[in-house]
Protein backbone atom coordinates (compact mmCIF):
# COMPACT_ATOMS: atom_id res chain seq x y z
CA MET A 1 -2.84 -2.70 15.56
CA ILE A 2 -6.03 -0.68 15.60
CA VAL A 3 -6.10 2.08 12.55
CA CYS A 4 -9.30 2.63 13.24
CA SER A 5 -11.23 3.44 16.40
CA CYS A 6 -14.58 3.88 14.86
CA ASN A 7 -14.68 0.54 12.70
CA VAL A 8 -12.32 -1.57 14.23
CA LEU A 9 -9.90 -1.96 11.47
CA SER A 10 -6.27 -3.35 11.86
CA ASP A 11 -3.10 -2.37 9.69
CA GLN A 12 -3.48 -5.36 8.26
CA ASP A 13 -7.10 -5.22 7.32
CA VAL A 14 -6.09 -2.16 5.59
CA ARG A 15 -2.80 -4.14 3.78
CA SER A 16 -5.46 -6.77 2.63
CA THR A 17 -7.09 -4.43 0.60
CA LEU A 18 -4.10 -2.93 -1.41
CA SER A 19 -3.46 -6.34 -3.69
CA GLY A 20 -5.11 -8.12 -6.21
CA ASP A 21 -6.63 -7.26 -9.33
CA GLY A 22 -9.53 -4.91 -7.22
CA ALA A 23 -6.86 -3.30 -5.27
CA ALA A 24 -7.70 -0.48 -2.92
CA ARG A 25 -6.04 3.44 -4.40
CA THR A 26 -7.93 5.47 -1.93
CA CYS A 27 -9.01 6.15 1.79
CA GLY A 28 -12.51 5.70 0.65
CA GLU A 29 -11.67 2.26 -1.33
CA VAL A 30 -9.72 1.21 1.53
CA TYR A 31 -13.55 1.47 3.39
CA GLY A 32 -15.89 -0.14 0.83
CA CYS A 33 -13.55 -2.77 0.08
CA LEU A 34 -13.96 -3.47 4.41
CA GLY A 35 -17.69 -2.77 3.66
CA CYS A 36 -17.53 -0.36 6.28
CA SER A 37 -17.07 3.80 5.55
CA ALA A 38 -15.48 6.54 7.33
CA GLN A 39 -16.27 7.55 10.53
CA CYS A 40 -14.82 10.65 12.32
CA GLY A 41 -11.63 10.35 9.78
CA ARG A 42 -8.94 10.22 12.31
CA CYS A 43 -8.01 7.25 10.91
CA ALA A 44 -6.82 8.42 6.93
CA ARG A 45 -3.71 9.60 7.87
CA THR A 46 -2.32 6.19 9.06
CA ILE A 47 -3.94 4.68 6.54
CA ARG A 48 -2.66 6.68 3.50
CA ARG A 49 0.95 6.37 5.56
CA ILE A 50 0.36 2.33 5.62
CA MET A 51 -0.44 2.75 2.24
CA ASN A 52 2.67 4.67 1.21
CA GLU A 53 4.37 1.74 2.82
CA ALA A 54 2.91 -0.84 0.40
CA LEU A 55 3.47 0.75 -2.63
CA THR A 56 7.01 1.62 -1.67
CA ALA A 57 8.10 -1.82 -1.00
CA ALA A 58 6.14 -2.86 -3.64
CA ASP A 59 7.88 -0.95 -5.64
CA ALA A 60 11.11 -1.63 -4.34
CA GLY A 61 10.07 -6.02 -4.77
CA CYS A 62 10.16 -5.31 -8.34
CA CYS A 63 12.85 -3.98 -9.11
CA ALA A 64 14.61 -5.75 -7.67
CA ALA A 65 13.35 -9.13 -9.48
CA ASN A 66 13.98 -6.43 -12.68
CA ASP A 67 17.60 -6.13 -11.89
CA ALA A 68 17.95 -9.73 -11.00
CA LEU A 69 16.28 -11.30 -14.38
CA ALA A 70 18.40 -8.41 -16.70
CA GLY A 71 21.62 -8.79 -14.76
CA ALA A 72 21.98 -4.62 -15.15
CA GLU A 73 24.23 -2.79 -13.57
CA THR A 74 22.36 0.18 -13.08
CA GLY A 75 19.08 -1.58 -12.59
CA CYS A 76 15.21 -0.26 -13.23
CA CYS A 77 15.63 1.93 -9.60
CA ALA A 78 18.21 3.82 -11.15
CA ALA A 79 16.92 4.62 -14.09
CA THR A 80 13.82 5.40 -12.53
CA GLY A 81 15.15 7.64 -9.54
CA ASN A 82 13.31 4.52 -6.85
CA SER A 83 15.14 3.29 -4.61
């Protein structure tokens, strides 16, 4: 799905900037990673939502992996308040 009409960026383009050592942490960094810059700014909320969803999914995966390795009954999600 296209999330930025000005730069013709898709949700997959945004997600591709969120992993690895040089992962984007702000909307501005997403644009920079993709070689463009914000134009009208209408997409900023959508980009932030995609970033938040990816972070939540990564946290959930981390908790599940740590719980399985530790064999814990409560796990890191219960200890940190993450679900």
